Amino acid sequence: MDVREAVATRYSCRAFLPTPVPLATVREILEGAARAPSGGNLQPWLVHALAGERLKALKATVRARPELLPRGEGAEYDIYPRELKEPYRTRRFQVGELLYRAIGVPREDRPGRIRQYARNFEFFGAPVGLFFSIDRTMGPPQWSDLGGYIQSVMVLARAHGLHTCGQEAWTHWHRTLGEVLALPPDYMLFCGMALGYADEDAPINRWRAPREPLDAFASFQGFPG
């Protein structure tokens, strides 16, 4: 698959088929993504990949504590700024409306929204769950590098006909994951990711988040003509 097509067809998939993904494919994706650039070649990422019984056990652990939803054990970092200003607040609101409209859940149906949110912790049915962590001594530049690695994973997954969904929501279960993954205490969990084959017939996979037009965020100076 051409890289342009891989980028253009990537989306946050929220319904997967149970079709297994071979270990060799997962290894190839994660290894290939390590070509992502990082300042000073620090390569500040740590990845855990779960499947099979290990993944089932994690999902069962979280599923057994529904009274903690939606905030779980409490996030270890703010996923969004606490005072989200415009235009970011509107963008977040609009994408949420599109998501819940796709599955027929109205804004006033808070239990329905929480049930959909809880699907994060089932990896939306994906057969593979990935977790990305970073050394706590690292700063914003290295967090940026980690983001580049994660994006590379998503794009390489498309080359294998797979889809992904990045899930910062997993920070709400960072204590449980620290135990399950035997995560060294000097590492912070950043996010999870669902990986697998998309259920193309699922309504929640039939919409796309809008993007701002190029001239709204980019300027061009000094070019001839």
Protein backbone atom coordinates (compact mmCIF):
# COMPACT_ATOMS: atom_id res chain seq x y z
CA MET A 1 0.00 0.00 0.00
CA ASP A 2 1.29 3.44 -0.95
CA VAL A 3 2.16 5.53 2.11
CA ARG A 4 -0.23 8.26 0.96
CA GLU A 5 -3.06 5.75 0.88
CA ALA A 6 -2.07 4.39 4.28
CA VAL A 7 -2.23 7.85 5.83
CA ALA A 8 -5.46 8.76 4.04
CA THR A 9 -7.28 5.55 5.05
CA ARG A 10 -6.21 5.50 8.68
CA TYR A 11 -8.98 6.27 11.11
CA SER A 12 -9.82 5.47 14.72
CA CYS A 13 -11.49 2.10 14.30
CA ARG A 14 -14.01 1.32 17.04
CA ALA A 15 -15.32 -2.05 15.91
CA PHE A 16 -13.04 -4.98 15.03
CA LEU A 17 -13.44 -8.50 13.76
CA PRO A 18 -12.17 -11.32 16.00
CA THR A 19 -9.78 -12.49 13.26
CA PRO A 20 -6.39 -13.14 14.90
CA VAL A 21 -3.33 -11.14 13.90
CA PRO A 22 -0.17 -13.28 13.64
CA LEU A 23 2.63 -12.55 16.07
CA ALA A 24 5.03 -12.19 13.13
CA THR A 25 2.90 -9.36 11.73
CA VAL A 26 2.77 -7.53 15.06
CA ARG A 27 6.54 -7.87 15.44
CA GLU A 28 7.13 -6.58 11.91
CA ILE A 29 4.95 -3.52 12.53
CA LEU A 30 6.56 -2.62 15.85
CA GLU A 31 10.08 -3.21 14.54
CA GLY A 32 9.49 -1.21 11.38
CA ALA A 33 8.01 1.69 13.34
CA ALA A 34 11.27 1.99 15.27
CA ARG A 35 12.66 3.80 12.22
CA ALA A 36 10.64 6.79 13.46
CA PRO A 37 12.97 9.70 14.27
CA SER A 38 13.85 10.62 17.82
CA GLY A 39 16.05 13.44 19.06
CA GLY A 40 19.53 12.17 19.90
CA ASN A 41 18.32 8.71 18.86
CA LEU A 42 16.95 8.22 22.38
CA GLN A 43 14.14 5.97 21.10
CA PRO A 44 12.15 6.72 24.28
CA TRP A 45 9.39 4.16 23.77
CA LEU A 46 8.50 0.97 25.59
CA VAL A 47 5.82 -1.29 24.09
CA HIS A 48 3.79 -4.17 25.49
CA ALA A 49 1.67 -6.30 23.13
CA LEU A 50 -1.09 -8.52 24.51
CA ALA A 51 -3.25 -11.13 22.80
CA GLY A 52 -5.07 -14.34 23.59
CA GLU A 53 -5.55 -15.29 27.24
CA ARG A 54 -3.38 -12.43 28.48
CA LEU A 55 -5.64 -9.90 26.78
CA LYS A 56 -8.81 -11.67 27.96
CA ALA A 57 -7.56 -11.59 31.56
CA LEU A 58 -6.88 -7.85 31.43
CA LYS A 59 -10.30 -7.10 29.96
CA ALA A 60 -11.97 -9.25 32.61
CA THR A 61 -10.13 -7.40 35.38
CA VAL A 62 -11.37 -4.02 34.18
CA ARG A 63 -14.85 -5.31 33.34
CA ALA A 64 -15.26 -6.49 36.92
CA ARG A 65 -15.09 -2.90 38.20
CA PRO A 66 -17.88 -1.05 36.35
CA GLU A 67 -18.56 1.17 39.36
CA LEU A 68 -15.30 3.01 38.63
CA LEU A 69 -16.36 4.14 35.15
CA PRO A 70 -15.80 6.49 33.49
CA ARG A 71 -12.75 7.71 35.43
CA GLY A 72 -11.39 4.36 36.55
CA GLU A 73 -8.50 4.70 38.96
CA GLY A 74 -7.88 8.31 37.96
CA ALA A 75 -5.74 9.53 35.09
CA GLU A 76 -2.02 9.98 35.59
CA TYR A 77 -1.99 12.97 33.24
CA ASP A 78 -4.57 15.34 31.73
CA ILE A 79 -5.65 13.98 28.35
CA TYR A 80 -6.93 17.45 27.42
CA PRO A 81 -6.23 20.85 28.97
CA ARG A 82 -8.65 21.40 31.83
CA GLU A 83 -9.80 24.69 30.34
CA LEU A 84 -10.03 23.81 26.67
CA LYS A 85 -10.28 27.03 24.65
CA GLU A 86 -11.63 27.63 21.17
CA PRO A 87 -11.41 26.39 18.50
CA TYR A 88 -10.32 23.17 20.20
CA ARG A 89 -13.37 22.88 22.43
CA THR A 90 -15.72 23.02 19.44
CA ARG A 91 -13.68 20.47 17.50
CA ARG A 92 -13.82 18.04 20.39
CA PHE A 93 -17.55 18.59 20.84
CA GLN A 94 -18.27 18.05 17.14
CA VAL A 95 -16.31 14.81 16.86
CA GLY A 96 -18.09 13.46 19.92
CA GLU A 97 -21.45 14.28 18.37
CA LEU A 98 -20.50 12.50 15.15
CA LEU A 99 -19.37 9.40 17.02
CA TYR A 100 -22.49 9.01 19.15
CA ARG A 101 -24.82 9.95 16.30
CA ALA A 102 -23.34 7.06 14.29
CA ILE A 103 -24.56 4.58 16.91
CA GLY A 104 -27.80 6.33 17.79
CA VAL A 105 -26.86 7.48 21.29
CA PRO A 106 -28.28 10.95 22.06
CA ARG A 107 -26.34 13.44 24.17
CA GLU A 108 -28.76 13.12 27.09
CA ASP A 109 -28.21 9.34 27.28
CA ARG A 110 -25.30 9.40 29.70
CA PRO A 111 -25.48 5.65 30.52
CA GLY A 112 -25.34 4.90 26.80
CA ARG A 113 -22.31 7.10 26.37
CA ILE A 114 -20.56 5.47 29.31
CA ARG A 115 -21.28 2.02 27.84
CA GLN A 116 -19.67 3.06 24.57
CA TYR A 117 -16.73 4.60 26.43
CA ALA A 118 -16.28 1.31 28.28
CA ARG A 119 -15.74 -0.36 24.90
CA ASN A 120 -12.28 1.22 25.01
CA PHE A 121 -11.41 -1.29 27.69
CA GLU A 122 -12.53 -4.17 25.49
CA PHE A 123 -10.24 -2.82 22.74
CA PHE A 124 -13.44 -2.55 20.67
CA GLY A 125 -13.19 -6.28 20.05
CA ALA A 126 -9.67 -6.16 18.58
CA PRO A 127 -7.56 -9.31 19.03
CA VAL A 128 -4.41 -7.34 19.91
CA GLY A 129 -3.90 -4.67 22.53
CA LEU A 130 -0.75 -2.53 22.50
CA PHE A 131 0.51 -0.30 25.30
CA PHE A 132 3.03 2.51 24.90
CA SER A 133 5.03 3.88 27.83
CA ILE A 134 7.80 6.40 28.34
CA ASP A 135 10.50 6.99 30.94
CA ARG A 136 9.28 9.52 33.50
CA THR A 137 12.48 11.55 33.19
CA MET A 138 11.66 12.43 29.59
CA GLY A 139 10.23 15.81 28.59
CA PRO A 140 7.99 17.22 25.83
CA PRO A 141 10.50 16.57 23.01
CA GLN A 142 10.60 12.86 23.85
CA TRP A 143 6.81 12.70 24.19
CA SER A 144 6.74 14.08 20.66
CA ASP A 145 9.12 11.31 19.57
CA LEU A 146 6.83 8.72 21.14
CA GLY A 147 3.95 10.20 19.15
CA GLY A 148 5.97 9.78 15.97
CA TYR A 149 6.56 6.13 16.81
CA ILE A 150 2.86 5.56 17.50
CA GLN A 151 1.88 7.19 14.20
CA SER A 152 4.37 4.95 12.41
CA VAL A 153 2.73 1.91 14.01
CA MET A 154 -0.67 3.06 12.75
CA VAL A 155 0.55 3.66 9.19
CA LEU A 156 2.45 0.36 9.00
CA ALA A 157 -0.64 -1.45 10.28
CA ARG A 158 -2.52 -0.15 7.24
CA ALA A 159 0.15 -1.66 5.00
CA HIS A 160 -0.93 -5.04 6.40
CA GLY A 161 -4.61 -4.33 5.86
CA LEU A 162 -5.10 -3.70 9.58
CA HIS A 163 -6.68 -0.85 11.48
CA THR A 164 -5.95 0.76 14.84
CA CYS A 165 -7.43 2.98 17.49
CA GLY A 166 -5.20 4.99 19.80
CA GLN A 167 -6.58 4.95 23.36
CA GLU A 168 -5.34 7.50 25.86
CA ALA A 169 -8.33 6.39 27.97
CA TRP A 170 -6.15 3.61 29.34
CA THR A 171 -4.38 6.13 31.57
CA HIS A 172 -7.47 5.77 33.79
CA TRP A 173 -6.31 2.23 34.59
CA HIS A 174 -2.61 2.96 34.96
CA ARG A 175 -2.33 1.26 38.37
CA THR A 176 -3.87 -1.98 37.14
CA LEU A 177 -1.77 -1.89 33.99
CA GLY A 178 1.38 -1.23 35.99
CA GLU A 179 0.77 -4.55 37.72
CA VAL A 180 -0.42 -6.52 34.70
CA LEU A 181 2.46 -5.37 32.50
CA ALA A 182 5.02 -5.43 35.30
CA LEU A 183 5.79 -1.88 34.19
CA PRO A 184 8.95 -0.54 35.84
CA PRO A 185 8.04 2.30 38.24
CA ASP A 186 10.24 4.74 36.35
CA TYR A 187 7.98 4.36 33.30
CA MET A 188 4.64 6.09 32.71
CA LEU A 189 1.92 4.49 30.63
CA PHE A 190 0.95 6.89 27.85
CA CYS A 191 -1.74 5.06 25.90
CA GLY A 192 -3.15 1.83 24.61
CA MET A 193 -3.96 0.90 21.04
CA ALA A 194 -6.42 -1.57 19.54
CA LEU A 195 -5.02 -3.45 16.55
CA GLY A 196 -6.86 -5.78 14.20
CA TYR A 197 -9.12 -6.10 11.19
CA ALA A 198 -11.93 -3.56 10.96
CA ASP A 199 -15.57 -4.56 10.95
CA GLU A 200 -16.39 -2.47 7.91
CA ASP A 201 -20.14 -3.03 8.36
CA ALA A 202 -20.26 -1.51 11.86
CA PRO A 203 -22.01 1.90 11.82
CA ILE A 204 -19.41 3.37 14.16
CA ASN A 205 -16.76 2.79 11.50
CA ARG A 206 -18.68 4.58 8.75
CA TRP A 207 -18.00 8.18 9.68
CA ARG A 208 -14.77 10.18 9.61
CA ALA A 209 -13.58 13.01 11.81
CA PRO A 210 -13.33 16.23 9.79
CA ARG A 211 -10.04 18.03 9.27
CA GLU A 212 -9.41 21.75 8.98
CA PRO A 213 -8.52 23.06 5.51
CA LEU A 214 -4.80 23.50 4.93
CA ASP A 215 -4.86 27.30 4.88
CA ALA A 216 -6.43 27.33 8.34
CA PHE A 217 -3.24 26.01 9.94
CA ALA A 218 -0.40 26.49 7.44
CA SER A 219 1.21 29.53 5.82
CA PHE A 220 3.63 29.63 2.92
CA GLN A 221 6.32 32.28 2.42
CA GLY A 222 9.11 32.80 -0.04
CA PHE A 223 7.94 30.33 -2.67
CA PRO A 224 8.30 31.44 -6.31
CA GLY A 225 5.20 32.19 -8.32
